[in-house]
Amino acid sequence: MTCREFIEFLMQYLLGEVDREKFDAHLAVCSSCVNYLKTYQQTVKVSKAALADLDESLPKPPEELIRAILASRMKPR
């Protein structure tokens, strides 16, 4: 496995959707990818925390706006 392959399939790795053996073998010999993985995981953690705070502070959109958006999506193009 190359570093490029590791990065391309990183999300699938974290979700357990790929053969972890190949990824773990690559991580055992590639400190760059180990550092990338740690940074990626920290970014996901910080992003989730930031969005959790944001969700609570946003006002609910007006119901008529939601209906208008849904109606426009139903129109043939």
PDB file of N, CA and C in Angstrom:
ATOM      1  N   MET A   1       0.852  -1.176   0.000  1.00  0.00           N
ATOM      2  CA  MET A   1       0.000   0.000   0.000  1.00  0.00           C
ATOM      3  C   MET A   1       0.892   1.231   0.000  1.00  0.00           C
ATOM      4  N   THR A   2       0.476   2.218  -0.791  1.00  0.00           N
ATOM      5  CA  THR A   2       1.211   3.482  -0.836  1.00  0.00           C
ATOM      6  C   THR A   2       0.544   4.500   0.086  1.00  0.00           C
ATOM      7  N   CYS A   3       1.245   5.588   0.322  1.00  0.00           N
ATOM      8  CA  CYS A   3       0.670   6.665   1.136  1.00  0.00           C
ATOM      9  C   CYS A   3      -0.568   7.240   0.453  1.00  0.00           C
ATOM     10  N   ARG A   4      -0.516   7.377  -0.850  1.00  0.00           N
ATOM     11  CA  ARG A   4      -1.660   7.905  -1.596  1.00  0.00           C
ATOM     12  C   ARG A   4      -2.879   7.007  -1.420  1.00  0.00           C
ATOM     13  N   GLU A   5      -2.699   5.706  -1.506  1.00  0.00           N
ATOM     14  CA  GLU A   5      -3.813   4.764  -1.321  1.00  0.00           C
ATOM     15  C   GLU A   5      -4.353   4.861   0.102  1.00  0.00           C
ATOM     16  N   PHE A   6      -3.457   4.994   1.055  1.00  0.00           N
ATOM     17  CA  PHE A   6      -3.878   5.118   2.453  1.00  0.00           C
ATOM     18  C   PHE A   6      -4.787   6.331   2.626  1.00  0.00           C
ATOM     19  N   ILE A   7      -4.364   7.468   2.075  1.00  0.00           N
ATOM     20  CA  ILE A   7      -5.130   8.703   2.230  1.00  0.00           C
ATOM     21  C   ILE A   7      -6.464   8.619   1.488  1.00  0.00           C
ATOM     22  N   GLU A   8      -6.456   8.015   0.291  1.00  0.00           N
ATOM     23  CA  GLU A   8      -7.687   7.914  -0.499  1.00  0.00           C
ATOM     24  C   GLU A   8      -8.768   7.095   0.204  1.00  0.00           C
ATOM     25  N   PHE A   9      -8.353   6.111   0.980  1.00  0.00           N
ATOM     26  CA  PHE A   9      -9.312   5.223   1.623  1.00  0.00           C
ATOM     27  C   PHE A   9      -9.354   5.396   3.142  1.00  0.00           C
ATOM     28  N   LEU A  10      -8.888   6.543   3.610  1.00  0.00           N
ATOM     29  CA  LEU A  10      -8.803   6.786   5.049  1.00  0.00           C
ATOM     30  C   LEU A  10     -10.156   6.717   5.746  1.00  0.00           C
ATOM     31  N   MET A  11     -11.181   7.323   5.163  1.00  0.00           N
ATOM     32  CA  MET A  11     -12.493   7.309   5.804  1.00  0.00           C
ATOM     33  C   MET A  11     -13.039   5.887   5.896  1.00  0.00           C
ATOM     34  N   GLN A  12     -12.870   5.112   4.843  1.00  0.00           N
ATOM     35  CA  GLN A  12     -13.326   3.725   4.874  1.00  0.00           C
ATOM     36  C   GLN A  12     -12.557   2.937   5.941  1.00  0.00           C
ATOM     37  N   TYR A  13     -11.281   3.253   6.099  1.00  0.00           N
ATOM     38  CA  TYR A  13     -10.467   2.614   7.141  1.00  0.00           C
ATOM     39  C   TYR A  13     -11.033   2.926   8.524  1.00  0.00           C
ATOM     40  N   LEU A  14     -11.303   4.203   8.762  1.00  0.00           N
ATOM     41  CA  LEU A  14     -11.812   4.616  10.079  1.00  0.00           C
ATOM     42  C   LEU A  14     -13.188   4.025  10.365  1.00  0.00           C
ATOM     43  N   LEU A  15     -13.976   3.800   9.329  1.00  0.00           N
ATOM     44  CA  LEU A  15     -15.306   3.216   9.499  1.00  0.00           C
ATOM     45  C   LEU A  15     -15.271   1.687   9.531  1.00  0.00           C
ATOM     46  N   GLY A  16     -14.080   1.117   9.331  1.00  0.00           N
ATOM     47  CA  GLY A  16     -13.947  -0.335   9.352  1.00  0.00           C
ATOM     48  C   GLY A  16     -14.501  -1.012   8.116  1.00  0.00           C
ATOM     49  N   GLU A  17     -14.522  -0.306   6.994  1.00  0.00           N
ATOM     50  CA  GLU A  17     -15.120  -0.831   5.774  1.00  0.00           C
ATOM     51  C   GLU A  17     -14.106  -1.470   4.827  1.00  0.00           C
ATOM     52  N   VAL A  18     -12.841  -1.485   5.200  1.00  0.00           N
ATOM     53  CA  VAL A  18     -11.798  -2.059   4.340  1.00  0.00           C
ATOM     54  C   VAL A  18     -10.953  -3.037   5.151  1.00  0.00           C
ATOM     55  N   ASP A  19     -10.103  -3.754   4.444  1.00  0.00           N
ATOM     56  CA  ASP A  19      -9.193  -4.700   5.076  1.00  0.00           C
ATOM     57  C   ASP A  19      -8.161  -3.933   5.904  1.00  0.00           C
ATOM     58  N   ARG A  20      -8.338  -3.918   7.189  1.00  0.00           N
ATOM     59  CA  ARG A  20      -7.471  -3.141   8.073  1.00  0.00           C
ATOM     60  C   ARG A  20      -6.050  -3.671   8.099  1.00  0.00           C
ATOM     61  N   GLU A  21      -5.870  -4.920   7.753  1.00  0.00           N
ATOM     62  CA  GLU A  21      -4.541  -5.526   7.809  1.00  0.00           C
ATOM     63  C   GLU A  21      -3.546  -4.773   6.916  1.00  0.00           C
ATOM     64  N   LYS A  22      -3.971  -4.430   5.695  1.00  0.00           N
ATOM     65  CA  LYS A  22      -3.096  -3.696   4.774  1.00  0.00           C
ATOM     66  C   LYS A  22      -2.777  -2.304   5.317  1.00  0.00           C
ATOM     67  N   PHE A  23      -3.782  -1.649   5.853  1.00  0.00           N
ATOM     68  CA  PHE A  23      -3.586  -0.311   6.409  1.00  0.00           C
ATOM     69  C   PHE A  23      -2.660  -0.359   7.621  1.00  0.00           C
ATOM     70  N   ASP A  24      -2.909  -1.300   8.503  1.00  0.00           N
ATOM     71  CA  ASP A  24      -2.081  -1.410   9.703  1.00  0.00           C
ATOM     72  C   ASP A  24      -0.636  -1.738   9.349  1.00  0.00           C
ATOM     73  N   ALA A  25      -0.438  -2.549   8.294  1.00  0.00           N
ATOM     74  CA  ALA A  25       0.920  -2.870   7.851  1.00  0.00           C
ATOM     75  C   ALA A  25       1.608  -1.610   7.338  1.00  0.00           C
ATOM     76  N   HIS A  26       0.876  -0.788   6.624  1.00  0.00           N
ATOM     77  CA  HIS A  26       1.451   0.461   6.123  1.00  0.00           C
ATOM     78  C   HIS A  26       1.772   1.397   7.286  1.00  0.00           C
ATOM     79  N   LEU A  27       0.859   1.508   8.235  1.00  0.00           N
ATOM     80  CA  LEU A  27       1.091   2.387   9.387  1.00  0.00           C
ATOM     81  C   LEU A  27       2.302   1.943  10.208  1.00  0.00           C
ATOM     82  N   ALA A  28       2.584   0.653  10.209  1.00  0.00           N
ATOM     83  CA  ALA A  28       3.718   0.131  10.981  1.00  0.00           C
ATOM     84  C   ALA A  28       5.057   0.614  10.431  1.00  0.00           C
ATOM     85  N   VAL A  29       5.082   1.018   9.164  1.00  0.00           N
ATOM     86  CA  VAL A  29       6.353   1.421   8.561  1.00  0.00           C
ATOM     87  C   VAL A  29       6.363   2.873   8.072  1.00  0.00           C
ATOM     88  N   CYS A  30       5.259   3.585   8.197  1.00  0.00           N
ATOM     89  CA  CYS A  30       5.171   4.938   7.644  1.00  0.00           C
ATOM     90  C   CYS A  30       4.754   5.947   8.709  1.00  0.00           C
ATOM     91  N   SER A  31       5.725   6.614   9.272  1.00  0.00           N
ATOM     92  CA  SER A  31       5.422   7.597  10.323  1.00  0.00           C
ATOM     93  C   SER A  31       4.651   8.795   9.777  1.00  0.00           C
ATOM     94  N   SER A  32       4.840   9.112   8.502  1.00  0.00           N
ATOM     95  CA  SER A  32       4.098  10.229   7.903  1.00  0.00           C
ATOM     96  C   SER A  32       2.600   9.957   7.913  1.00  0.00           C
ATOM     97  N   CYS A  33       2.215   8.737   7.558  1.00  0.00           N
ATOM     98  CA  CYS A  33       0.793   8.401   7.548  1.00  0.00           C
ATOM     99  C   CYS A  33       0.242   8.277   8.967  1.00  0.00           C
ATOM    100  N   VAL A  34       1.058   7.836   9.900  1.00  0.00           N
ATOM    101  CA  VAL A  34       0.638   7.798  11.305  1.00  0.00           C
ATOM    102  C   VAL A  34       0.300   9.218  11.763  1.00  0.00           C
ATOM    103  N   ASN A  35       1.181  10.161  11.443  1.00  0.00           N
ATOM    104  CA  ASN A  35       0.941  11.557  11.820  1.00  0.00           C
ATOM    105  C   ASN A  35      -0.271  12.126  11.094  1.00  0.00           C
ATOM    106  N   TYR A  36      -0.427  11.792   9.813  1.00  0.00           N
ATOM    107  CA  TYR A  36      -1.584  12.250   9.044  1.00  0.00           C
ATOM    108  C   TYR A  36      -2.871  11.723   9.662  1.00  0.00           C
ATOM    109  N   LEU A  37      -2.885  10.456  10.029  1.00  0.00           N
ATOM    110  CA  LEU A  37      -4.064   9.839  10.647  1.00  0.00           C
ATOM    111  C   LEU A  37      -4.419  10.537  11.958  1.00  0.00           C
ATOM    112  N   LYS A  38      -3.422  10.791  12.781  1.00  0.00           N
ATOM    113  CA  LYS A  38      -3.678  11.473  14.061  1.00  0.00           C
ATOM    114  C   LYS A  38      -4.255  12.866  13.831  1.00  0.00           C
ATOM    115  N   THR A  39      -3.682  13.592  12.874  1.00  0.00           N
ATOM    116  CA  THR A  39      -4.165  14.937  12.568  1.00  0.00           C
ATOM    117  C   THR A  39      -5.591  14.889  12.029  1.00  0.00           C
ATOM    118  N   TYR A  40      -5.863  13.928  11.162  1.00  0.00           N
ATOM    119  CA  TYR A  40      -7.196  13.757  10.585  1.00  0.00           C
ATOM    120  C   TYR A  40      -8.221  13.473  11.682  1.00  0.00           C
ATOM    121  N   GLN A  41      -7.890  12.552  12.580  1.00  0.00           N
ATOM    122  CA  GLN A  41      -8.807  12.203  13.668  1.00  0.00           C
ATOM    123  C   GLN A  41      -9.061  13.402  14.567  1.00  0.00           C
ATOM    124  N   GLN A  42      -8.034  14.196  14.831  1.00  0.00           N
ATOM    125  CA  GLN A  42      -8.200  15.385  15.666  1.00  0.00           C
ATOM    126  C   GLN A  42      -9.077  16.412  14.960  1.00  0.00           C
ATOM    127  N   THR A  43      -8.894  16.553  13.656  1.00  0.00           N
ATOM    128  CA  THR A  43      -9.709  17.486  12.876  1.00  0.00           C
ATOM    129  C   THR A  43     -11.182  17.085  12.917  1.00  0.00           C
ATOM    130  N   VAL A  44     -11.460  15.807  12.751  1.00  0.00           N
ATOM    131  CA  VAL A  44     -12.839  15.315  12.813  1.00  0.00           C
ATOM    132  C   VAL A  44     -13.440  15.600  14.184  1.00  0.00           C
ATOM    133  N   LYS A  45     -12.670  15.348  15.231  1.00  0.00           N
ATOM    134  CA  LYS A  45     -13.147  15.569  16.597  1.00  0.00           C
ATOM    135  C   LYS A  45     -13.476  17.047  16.841  1.00  0.00           C
ATOM    136  N   VAL A  46     -12.574  17.929  16.433  1.00  0.00           N
ATOM    137  CA  VAL A  46     -12.784  19.370  16.627  1.00  0.00           C
ATOM    138  C   VAL A  46     -13.964  19.860  15.788  1.00  0.00           C
ATOM    139  N   SER A  47     -14.073  19.354  14.556  1.00  0.00           N
ATOM    140  CA  SER A  47     -15.182  19.755  13.681  1.00  0.00           C
ATOM    141  C   SER A  47     -16.528  19.345  14.263  1.00  0.00           C
ATOM    142  N   LYS A  48     -16.607  18.134  14.770  1.00  0.00           N
ATOM    143  CA  LYS A  48     -17.859  17.674  15.383  1.00  0.00           C
ATOM    144  C   LYS A  48     -18.228  18.538  16.582  1.00  0.00           C
ATOM    145  N   ALA A  49     -17.241  18.882  17.382  1.00  0.00           N
ATOM    146  CA  ALA A  49     -17.504  19.721  18.559  1.00  0.00           C
ATOM    147  C   ALA A  49     -17.988  21.103  18.132  1.00  0.00           C
ATOM    148  N   ALA A  50     -17.377  21.656  17.099  1.00  0.00           N
ATOM    149  CA  ALA A  50     -17.772  22.981  16.624  1.00  0.00           C
ATOM    150  C   ALA A  50     -19.181  22.954  16.055  1.00  0.00           C
ATOM    151  N   LEU A  51     -19.510  21.920  15.310  1.00  0.00           N
ATOM    152  CA  LEU A  51     -20.845  21.818  14.722  1.00  0.00           C
ATOM    153  C   LEU A  51     -21.913  21.547  15.768  1.00  0.00           C
ATOM    154  N   ALA A  52     -21.563  20.841  16.819  1.00  0.00           N
ATOM    155  CA  ALA A  52     -22.534  20.566  17.877  1.00  0.00           C
ATOM    156  C   ALA A  52     -22.976  21.872  18.526  1.00  0.00           C
ATOM    157  N   ASP A  53     -22.039  22.768  18.766  1.00  0.00           N
ATOM    158  CA  ASP A  53     -22.370  24.068  19.338  1.00  0.00           C
ATOM    159  C   ASP A  53     -23.182  24.909  18.357  1.00  0.00           C
ATOM    160  N   LEU A  54     -22.857  24.801  17.099  1.00  0.00           N
ATOM    161  CA  LEU A  54     -23.533  25.584  16.074  1.00  0.00           C
ATOM    162  C   LEU A  54     -24.985  25.170  15.931  1.00  0.00           C
ATOM    163  N   ASP A  55     -25.251  23.873  15.955  1.00  0.00           N
ATOM    164  CA  ASP A  55     -26.619  23.381  15.797  1.00  0.00           C
ATOM    165  C   ASP A  55     -27.562  23.954  16.843  1.00  0.00           C
ATOM    166  N   GLU A  56     -27.103  24.096  18.046  1.00  0.00           N
ATOM    167  CA  GLU A  56     -27.959  24.584  19.135  1.00  0.00           C
ATOM    168  C   GLU A  56     -28.240  26.074  19.019  1.00  0.00           C
ATOM    169  N   SER A  57     -27.332  26.825  18.399  1.00  0.00           N
ATOM    170  CA  SER A  57     -27.481  28.271  18.365  1.00  0.00           C
ATOM    171  C   SER A  57     -28.222  28.778  17.127  1.00  0.00           C
ATOM    172  N   LEU A  58     -28.398  27.932  16.133  1.00  0.00           N
ATOM    173  CA  LEU A  58     -29.075  28.374  14.920  1.00  0.00           C
ATOM    174  C   LEU A  58     -30.592  28.360  15.095  1.00  0.00           C
ATOM    175  N   PRO A  59     -31.249  29.412  14.610  1.00  0.00           N
ATOM    176  CA  PRO A  59     -32.718  29.400  14.662  1.00  0.00           C
ATOM    177  C   PRO A  59     -33.266  28.432  13.626  1.00  0.00           C
ATOM    178  N   LYS A  60     -34.440  27.920  13.884  1.00  0.00           N
ATOM    179  CA  LYS A  60     -35.092  27.004  12.949  1.00  0.00           C
ATOM    180  C   LYS A  60     -35.582  27.814  11.747  1.00  0.00           C
ATOM    181  N   PRO A  61     -35.342  27.303  10.520  1.00  0.00           N
ATOM    182  CA  PRO A  61     -35.785  28.058   9.339  1.00  0.00           C
ATOM    183  C   PRO A  61     -37.312  28.114   9.278  1.00  0.00           C
ATOM    184  N   PRO A  62     -37.849  29.176   8.674  1.00  0.00           N
ATOM    185  CA  PRO A  62     -39.298  29.301   8.559  1.00  0.00           C
ATOM    186  C   PRO A  62     -39.884  28.143   7.741  1.00  0.00           C
ATOM    187  N   GLU A  63     -41.024  27.673   8.154  1.00  0.00           N
ATOM    188  CA  GLU A  63     -41.684  26.542   7.499  1.00  0.00           C
ATOM    189  C   GLU A  63     -41.999  26.857   6.033  1.00  0.00           C
ATOM    190  N   GLU A  64     -42.384  28.103   5.739  1.00  0.00           N
ATOM    191  CA  GLU A  64     -42.699  28.464   4.359  1.00  0.00           C
ATOM    192  C   GLU A  64     -41.455  28.418   3.467  1.00  0.00           C
ATOM    193  N   LEU A  65     -40.305  28.717   4.005  1.00  0.00           N
ATOM    194  CA  LEU A  65     -39.063  28.607   3.245  1.00  0.00           C
ATOM    195  C   LEU A  65     -38.764  27.146   2.913  1.00  0.00           C
ATOM    196  N   ILE A  66     -38.940  26.280   3.869  1.00  0.00           N
ATOM    197  CA  ILE A  66     -38.723  24.846   3.642  1.00  0.00           C
ATOM    198  C   ILE A  66     -39.666  24.327   2.566  1.00  0.00           C
ATOM    199  N   ARG A  67     -40.936  24.708   2.648  1.00  0.00           N
ATOM    200  CA  ARG A  67     -41.916  24.279   1.640  1.00  0.00           C
ATOM    201  C   ARG A  67     -41.547  24.787   0.252  1.00  0.00           C
ATOM    202  N   ALA A  68     -41.106  26.046   0.165  1.00  0.00           N
ATOM    203  CA  ALA A  68     -40.732  26.625  -1.130  1.00  0.00           C
ATOM    204  C   ALA A  68     -39.532  25.894  -1.740  1.00  0.00           C
ATOM    205  N   ILE A  69     -38.565  25.562  -0.924  1.00  0.00           N
ATOM    206  CA  ILE A  69     -37.392  24.828  -1.412  1.00  0.00           C
ATOM    207  C   ILE A  69     -37.790  23.450  -1.900  1.00  0.00           C
ATOM    208  N   LEU A  70     -38.601  22.762  -1.112  1.00  0.00           N
ATOM    209  CA  LEU A  70     -39.048  21.427  -1.518  1.00  0.00           C
ATOM    210  C   LEU A  70     -39.878  21.474  -2.786  1.00  0.00           C
ATOM    211  N   ALA A  71     -40.739  22.479  -2.907  1.00  0.00           N
ATOM    212  CA  ALA A  71     -41.574  22.619  -4.098  1.00  0.00           C
ATOM    213  C   ALA A  71     -40.718  22.874  -5.340  1.00  0.00           C
ATOM    214  N   SER A  72     -39.684  23.675  -5.201  1.00  0.00           N
ATOM    215  CA  SER A  72     -38.828  23.974  -6.361  1.00  0.00           C
ATOM    216  C   SER A  72     -38.038  22.743  -6.789  1.00  0.00           C
ATOM    217  N   ARG A  73     -37.739  21.869  -5.879  1.00  0.00           N
ATOM    218  CA  ARG A  73     -37.018  20.637  -6.215  1.00  0.00           C
ATOM    219  C   ARG A  73     -37.913  19.647  -6.947  1.00  0.00           C
ATOM    220  N   MET A  74     -39.206  19.760  -6.767  1.00  0.00           N
ATOM    221  CA  MET A  74     -40.158  18.825  -7.389  1.00  0.00           C
ATOM    222  C   MET A  74     -40.484  19.231  -8.824  1.00  0.00           C
ATOM    223  N   LYS A  75     -40.230  20.488  -9.192  1.00  0.00           N
ATOM    224  CA  LYS A  75     -40.554  20.952 -10.532  1.00  0.00           C
ATOM    225  C   LYS A  75     -39.608  20.317 -11.543  1.00  0.00           C
ATOM    226  N   PRO A  76     -40.156  19.898 -12.703  1.00  0.00           N
ATOM    227  CA  PRO A  76     -39.294  19.334 -13.752  1.00  0.00           C
ATOM    228  C   PRO A  76     -38.367  20.418 -14.304  1.00  0.00           C
ATOM    229  N   ARG A  77     -37.210  19.989 -14.703  1.00  0.00           N
ATOM    230  CA  ARG A  77     -36.219  20.967 -15.219  1.00  0.00           C
ATOM    231  C   ARG A  77     -36.155  20.959 -16.704  1.00  0.00           C
TER     232      ARG A  77
END
